[in-house]
Amino acid sequence: DSAGHGSHVAGTVTTNGIGVASVAPGAKLLNARVFSAANSGPFAAIIDGMAWCGANGADVVNMSLGGVITKPFSAGTLALQAVLTERIAGLRGAGAPVIVSAGNGNSWFDPAAP
């Protein structure tokens, strides 16, 4: 990724075994890039990325995203929240916990909140 953030987060989970400790050194990663090289993109890309992870057998879905949605919430924003909530419930129902980093980009929107 152009900013190196996704690679940094992935390196916390697992490594190539050279010089850096990780929390799950034997883990294998599925990488789903949902943002452009400019580190931005639509919510539809996030939703599609979560679907891809589920379809490809992810045991855990971790998202390190940021963004700001301004209040008052539009009908479109509420509809997106409903779709994100449904997608996350589906992943959780299949046994894949969904983890989302809090505070990236001063974001208030947490798609993994129950």
N, C-alpha and C. Protein backbone atom coordinates (compact mmCIF):
# COMPACT_ATOMS: atom_id res chain seq x y z
N ASP A 1 0.84 -1.18 0.00
CA ASP A 1 0.00 0.00 0.00
C ASP A 1 0.89 1.24 0.00
N SER A 2 0.41 2.31 -0.59
CA SER A 2 1.25 3.48 -0.82
C SER A 2 1.73 4.16 0.46
N ALA A 3 0.95 4.10 1.53
CA ALA A 3 1.35 4.74 2.78
C ALA A 3 2.09 3.78 3.71
N GLY A 4 2.04 2.49 3.43
CA GLY A 4 2.69 1.51 4.28
C GLY A 4 1.90 1.13 5.51
N HIS A 5 0.72 1.73 5.70
CA HIS A 5 -0.05 1.48 6.92
C HIS A 5 -0.56 0.04 6.98
N GLY A 6 -1.12 -0.44 5.90
CA GLY A 6 -1.61 -1.82 5.88
C GLY A 6 -0.49 -2.82 6.11
N SER A 7 0.67 -2.55 5.53
CA SER A 7 1.82 -3.43 5.73
C SER A 7 2.27 -3.40 7.19
N HIS A 8 2.22 -2.22 7.79
CA HIS A 8 2.57 -2.10 9.21
C HIS A 8 1.61 -2.92 10.08
N VAL A 9 0.30 -2.78 9.82
CA VAL A 9 -0.69 -3.51 10.60
C VAL A 9 -0.51 -5.01 10.41
N ALA A 10 -0.31 -5.44 9.16
CA ALA A 10 -0.10 -6.86 8.88
C ALA A 10 1.14 -7.38 9.60
N GLY A 11 2.18 -6.56 9.68
CA GLY A 11 3.41 -6.96 10.35
C GLY A 11 3.24 -7.14 11.85
N THR A 12 2.23 -6.52 12.43
CA THR A 12 1.93 -6.72 13.84
C THR A 12 1.33 -8.10 14.06
N VAL A 13 0.59 -8.58 13.07
CA VAL A 13 -0.06 -9.88 13.17
C VAL A 13 0.92 -10.99 12.90
N THR A 14 1.63 -10.93 11.78
CA THR A 14 2.56 -11.99 11.41
C THR A 14 3.74 -11.39 10.67
N THR A 15 4.85 -12.10 10.65
CA THR A 15 6.05 -11.60 9.98
C THR A 15 6.68 -12.70 9.16
N ASN A 16 7.73 -12.34 8.46
CA ASN A 16 8.51 -13.33 7.72
C ASN A 16 9.56 -13.99 8.62
N GLY A 17 9.53 -13.69 9.93
CA GLY A 17 10.43 -14.32 10.88
C GLY A 17 11.79 -13.68 10.99
N ILE A 18 11.97 -12.53 10.37
CA ILE A 18 13.27 -11.86 10.40
C ILE A 18 13.18 -10.58 11.21
N GLY A 19 13.66 -10.59 12.42
CA GLY A 19 13.88 -9.39 13.19
C GLY A 19 12.71 -8.73 13.88
N VAL A 20 11.49 -9.15 13.67
CA VAL A 20 10.35 -8.48 14.28
C VAL A 20 9.43 -9.52 14.92
N ALA A 21 9.02 -9.26 16.14
CA ALA A 21 8.07 -10.16 16.82
C ALA A 21 6.66 -9.84 16.33
N SER A 22 5.80 -10.83 16.40
CA SER A 22 4.40 -10.61 16.00
C SER A 22 3.51 -11.41 16.94
N VAL A 23 2.20 -11.13 16.88
CA VAL A 23 1.28 -11.81 17.77
C VAL A 23 0.87 -13.19 17.26
N ALA A 24 1.03 -13.46 15.98
CA ALA A 24 0.65 -14.76 15.40
C ALA A 24 1.63 -15.12 14.30
N PRO A 25 2.85 -15.49 14.67
CA PRO A 25 3.89 -15.69 13.67
C PRO A 25 3.58 -16.77 12.62
N GLY A 26 2.70 -17.69 12.91
CA GLY A 26 2.37 -18.73 11.93
C GLY A 26 1.15 -18.42 11.08
N ALA A 27 0.56 -17.26 11.29
CA ALA A 27 -0.68 -16.91 10.57
C ALA A 27 -0.41 -16.64 9.10
N LYS A 28 -1.40 -16.94 8.29
CA LYS A 28 -1.35 -16.58 6.87
C LYS A 28 -2.36 -15.47 6.64
N LEU A 29 -1.99 -14.50 5.80
CA LEU A 29 -2.83 -13.34 5.59
C LEU A 29 -3.52 -13.38 4.23
N LEU A 30 -4.76 -12.92 4.23
CA LEU A 30 -5.48 -12.59 3.00
C LEU A 30 -5.50 -11.07 2.96
N ASN A 31 -5.02 -10.49 1.92
CA ASN A 31 -4.98 -9.03 1.84
C ASN A 31 -6.01 -8.53 0.85
N ALA A 32 -6.92 -7.71 1.33
CA ALA A 32 -7.96 -7.13 0.48
C ALA A 32 -7.81 -5.62 0.51
N ARG A 33 -7.25 -5.08 -0.53
CA ARG A 33 -7.10 -3.62 -0.60
C ARG A 33 -8.44 -3.03 -1.00
N VAL A 34 -8.95 -2.12 -0.19
CA VAL A 34 -10.25 -1.53 -0.48
C VAL A 34 -10.16 -0.05 -0.83
N PHE A 35 -8.99 0.55 -0.69
CA PHE A 35 -8.83 1.96 -1.03
C PHE A 35 -7.87 2.12 -2.19
N SER A 36 -7.95 3.26 -2.84
CA SER A 36 -7.08 3.58 -3.97
C SER A 36 -5.67 3.89 -3.49
N ALA A 37 -4.78 4.13 -4.43
CA ALA A 37 -3.41 4.51 -4.08
C ALA A 37 -3.38 5.83 -3.32
N ALA A 38 -4.44 6.63 -3.46
CA ALA A 38 -4.54 7.88 -2.71
C ALA A 38 -5.14 7.66 -1.32
N ASN A 39 -5.33 6.40 -0.93
CA ASN A 39 -5.85 6.02 0.38
C ASN A 39 -7.26 6.54 0.63
N SER A 40 -8.10 6.43 -0.38
CA SER A 40 -9.50 6.80 -0.21
C SER A 40 -10.34 5.89 -1.09
N GLY A 41 -11.63 5.86 -0.78
CA GLY A 41 -12.53 5.04 -1.57
C GLY A 41 -13.91 5.02 -0.98
N PRO A 42 -14.85 4.45 -1.70
CA PRO A 42 -16.23 4.43 -1.24
C PRO A 42 -16.49 3.30 -0.25
N PHE A 43 -17.56 3.45 0.52
CA PHE A 43 -17.95 2.40 1.45
C PHE A 43 -18.24 1.10 0.71
N ALA A 44 -18.71 1.19 -0.52
CA ALA A 44 -18.99 -0.02 -1.30
C ALA A 44 -17.75 -0.89 -1.42
N ALA A 45 -16.58 -0.27 -1.53
CA ALA A 45 -15.33 -1.04 -1.62
C ALA A 45 -15.05 -1.78 -0.32
N ILE A 46 -15.35 -1.16 0.81
CA ILE A 46 -15.17 -1.82 2.10
C ILE A 46 -16.12 -3.01 2.21
N ILE A 47 -17.36 -2.80 1.82
CA ILE A 47 -18.37 -3.87 1.86
C ILE A 47 -17.96 -5.01 0.95
N ASP A 48 -17.49 -4.69 -0.25
CA ASP A 48 -17.03 -5.73 -1.18
C ASP A 48 -15.81 -6.47 -0.63
N GLY A 49 -14.90 -5.73 0.02
CA GLY A 49 -13.72 -6.35 0.61
C GLY A 49 -14.08 -7.32 1.72
N MET A 50 -15.06 -6.96 2.53
CA MET A 50 -15.51 -7.86 3.59
C MET A 50 -16.15 -9.11 2.98
N ALA A 51 -16.91 -8.94 1.91
CA ALA A 51 -17.52 -10.10 1.24
C ALA A 51 -16.44 -11.00 0.68
N TRP A 52 -15.40 -10.42 0.09
CA TRP A 52 -14.31 -11.20 -0.47
C TRP A 52 -13.60 -12.00 0.63
N CYS A 53 -13.37 -11.36 1.77
CA CYS A 53 -12.72 -12.06 2.90
C CYS A 53 -13.56 -13.25 3.34
N GLY A 54 -14.87 -13.04 3.47
CA GLY A 54 -15.75 -14.14 3.86
C GLY A 54 -15.76 -15.26 2.85
N ALA A 55 -15.80 -14.92 1.57
CA ALA A 55 -15.84 -15.92 0.50
C ALA A 55 -14.53 -16.69 0.39
N ASN A 56 -13.44 -16.10 0.87
CA ASN A 56 -12.13 -16.74 0.77
C ASN A 56 -11.66 -17.36 2.08
N GLY A 57 -12.59 -17.53 3.03
CA GLY A 57 -12.30 -18.30 4.23
C GLY A 57 -11.53 -17.59 5.32
N ALA A 58 -11.65 -16.28 5.42
CA ALA A 58 -10.95 -15.56 6.49
C ALA A 58 -11.45 -16.03 7.86
N ASP A 59 -10.52 -16.26 8.77
CA ASP A 59 -10.87 -16.63 10.14
C ASP A 59 -11.10 -15.39 11.01
N VAL A 60 -10.45 -14.30 10.65
CA VAL A 60 -10.57 -13.02 11.34
C VAL A 60 -10.52 -11.94 10.26
N VAL A 61 -11.33 -10.90 10.44
CA VAL A 61 -11.28 -9.76 9.51
C VAL A 61 -10.85 -8.55 10.32
N ASN A 62 -9.73 -7.95 9.91
CA ASN A 62 -9.20 -6.77 10.58
C ASN A 62 -9.19 -5.61 9.59
N MET A 63 -9.77 -4.49 10.01
CA MET A 63 -9.77 -3.31 9.16
C MET A 63 -9.14 -2.15 9.90
N SER A 64 -8.21 -1.49 9.25
CA SER A 64 -7.58 -0.30 9.80
C SER A 64 -7.92 0.84 8.85
N LEU A 65 -9.03 1.49 9.13
CA LEU A 65 -9.59 2.49 8.23
C LEU A 65 -9.83 3.79 8.98
N GLY A 66 -9.93 4.85 8.25
CA GLY A 66 -10.27 6.13 8.86
C GLY A 66 -11.17 6.91 7.93
N GLY A 67 -11.90 7.82 8.50
CA GLY A 67 -12.77 8.66 7.71
C GLY A 67 -13.72 9.40 8.63
N VAL A 68 -14.33 10.41 8.09
CA VAL A 68 -15.26 11.20 8.87
C VAL A 68 -16.57 11.32 8.09
N ILE A 69 -17.65 11.02 8.75
CA ILE A 69 -18.98 11.22 8.20
C ILE A 69 -19.63 12.30 9.04
N THR A 70 -20.05 13.35 8.39
CA THR A 70 -20.57 14.50 9.14
C THR A 70 -22.02 14.29 9.55
N LYS A 71 -22.36 14.91 10.66
CA LYS A 71 -23.73 14.90 11.17
C LYS A 71 -24.44 16.13 10.63
N PRO A 72 -25.71 16.14 10.43
CA PRO A 72 -26.64 15.04 10.69
C PRO A 72 -26.47 13.95 9.65
N PHE A 73 -26.76 12.73 10.07
CA PHE A 73 -26.60 11.59 9.19
C PHE A 73 -27.68 11.60 8.12
N SER A 74 -27.25 11.42 6.89
CA SER A 74 -28.19 11.37 5.79
C SER A 74 -28.83 9.99 5.72
N ALA A 75 -29.88 9.88 4.94
CA ALA A 75 -30.52 8.57 4.74
C ALA A 75 -29.53 7.61 4.09
N GLY A 76 -28.69 8.12 3.20
CA GLY A 76 -27.68 7.27 2.56
C GLY A 76 -26.67 6.74 3.55
N THR A 77 -26.25 7.59 4.49
CA THR A 77 -25.30 7.16 5.52
C THR A 77 -25.92 6.09 6.41
N LEU A 78 -27.16 6.29 6.79
CA LEU A 78 -27.84 5.28 7.62
C LEU A 78 -28.01 3.98 6.86
N ALA A 79 -28.28 4.05 5.56
CA ALA A 79 -28.40 2.83 4.75
C ALA A 79 -27.06 2.10 4.67
N LEU A 80 -25.96 2.85 4.50
CA LEU A 80 -24.63 2.22 4.48
C LEU A 80 -24.31 1.57 5.81
N GLN A 81 -24.67 2.24 6.90
CA GLN A 81 -24.43 1.66 8.22
C GLN A 81 -25.20 0.35 8.37
N ALA A 82 -26.41 0.30 7.84
CA ALA A 82 -27.20 -0.93 7.93
C ALA A 82 -26.55 -2.05 7.13
N VAL A 83 -26.03 -1.74 5.94
CA VAL A 83 -25.37 -2.75 5.11
C VAL A 83 -24.09 -3.23 5.79
N LEU A 84 -23.29 -2.30 6.33
CA LEU A 84 -22.07 -2.68 7.04
C LEU A 84 -22.40 -3.57 8.24
N THR A 85 -23.41 -3.20 8.99
CA THR A 85 -23.83 -3.99 10.15
C THR A 85 -24.24 -5.40 9.73
N GLU A 86 -24.99 -5.49 8.64
CA GLU A 86 -25.42 -6.80 8.13
C GLU A 86 -24.23 -7.64 7.69
N ARG A 87 -23.29 -7.04 6.97
CA ARG A 87 -22.10 -7.77 6.49
C ARG A 87 -21.28 -8.26 7.67
N ILE A 88 -21.09 -7.40 8.67
CA ILE A 88 -20.31 -7.79 9.85
C ILE A 88 -21.02 -8.91 10.61
N ALA A 89 -22.32 -8.83 10.74
CA ALA A 89 -23.07 -9.90 11.41
C ALA A 89 -22.90 -11.21 10.67
N GLY A 90 -22.89 -11.16 9.34
CA GLY A 90 -22.69 -12.38 8.56
C GLY A 90 -21.32 -12.99 8.78
N LEU A 91 -20.28 -12.15 8.83
CA LEU A 91 -18.93 -12.65 9.09
C LEU A 91 -18.84 -13.25 10.49
N ARG A 92 -19.39 -12.54 11.46
CA ARG A 92 -19.38 -13.05 12.83
C ARG A 92 -20.15 -14.35 12.94
N GLY A 93 -21.30 -14.42 12.26
CA GLY A 93 -22.10 -15.65 12.27
C GLY A 93 -21.36 -16.83 11.68
N ALA A 94 -20.44 -16.55 10.76
CA ALA A 94 -19.62 -17.60 10.15
C ALA A 94 -18.39 -17.90 11.00
N GLY A 95 -18.28 -17.23 12.16
CA GLY A 95 -17.17 -17.50 13.07
C GLY A 95 -15.96 -16.62 12.88
N ALA A 96 -16.06 -15.56 12.07
CA ALA A 96 -14.92 -14.66 11.84
C ALA A 96 -15.13 -13.35 12.58
N PRO A 97 -14.43 -13.14 13.69
CA PRO A 97 -14.56 -11.87 14.38
C PRO A 97 -14.10 -10.73 13.46
N VAL A 98 -14.70 -9.57 13.64
CA VAL A 98 -14.35 -8.39 12.85
C VAL A 98 -13.76 -7.36 13.81
N ILE A 99 -12.54 -6.93 13.50
CA ILE A 99 -11.84 -5.98 14.34
C ILE A 99 -11.60 -4.72 13.51
N VAL A 100 -11.88 -3.56 14.09
CA VAL A 100 -11.67 -2.29 13.40
C VAL A 100 -10.87 -1.39 14.31
N SER A 101 -9.80 -0.83 13.77
CA SER A 101 -9.00 0.12 14.54
C SER A 101 -9.81 1.37 14.82
N ALA A 102 -9.70 1.87 16.03
CA ALA A 102 -10.43 3.07 16.41
C ALA A 102 -9.53 4.29 16.29
N GLY A 103 -10.11 5.39 15.81
CA GLY A 103 -9.40 6.66 15.82
C GLY A 103 -8.60 6.99 14.58
N ASN A 104 -8.52 6.11 13.59
CA ASN A 104 -7.80 6.46 12.37
C ASN A 104 -8.48 7.65 11.71
N GLY A 105 -7.71 8.65 11.38
CA GLY A 105 -8.24 9.83 10.69
C GLY A 105 -9.28 10.57 11.51
N ASN A 106 -9.20 10.47 12.83
CA ASN A 106 -10.19 11.09 13.72
C ASN A 106 -11.59 10.60 13.40
N SER A 107 -11.70 9.36 13.03
CA SER A 107 -12.98 8.79 12.61
C SER A 107 -13.85 8.51 13.81
N TRP A 108 -15.11 8.82 13.71
CA TRP A 108 -16.07 8.46 14.76
C TRP A 108 -16.83 7.22 14.35
N PHE A 109 -16.81 6.86 13.08
CA PHE A 109 -17.67 5.80 12.56
C PHE A 109 -16.99 4.46 12.74
N ASP A 110 -17.57 3.59 13.53
CA ASP A 110 -17.00 2.27 13.78
C ASP A 110 -17.93 1.23 13.19
N PRO A 111 -17.58 0.70 12.00
CA PRO A 111 -18.47 -0.27 11.37
C PRO A 111 -18.56 -1.59 12.12
N ALA A 112 -17.68 -1.84 13.07
CA ALA A 112 -17.73 -3.11 13.79
C ALA A 112 -18.54 -3.02 15.08
N ALA A 113 -19.03 -1.84 15.41
CA ALA A 113 -19.81 -1.72 16.64
C ALA A 113 -21.07 -2.56 16.53
N PRO A 114 -21.42 -3.28 17.61
CA PRO A 114 -22.60 -4.14 17.54
C PRO A 114 -23.88 -3.33 17.42
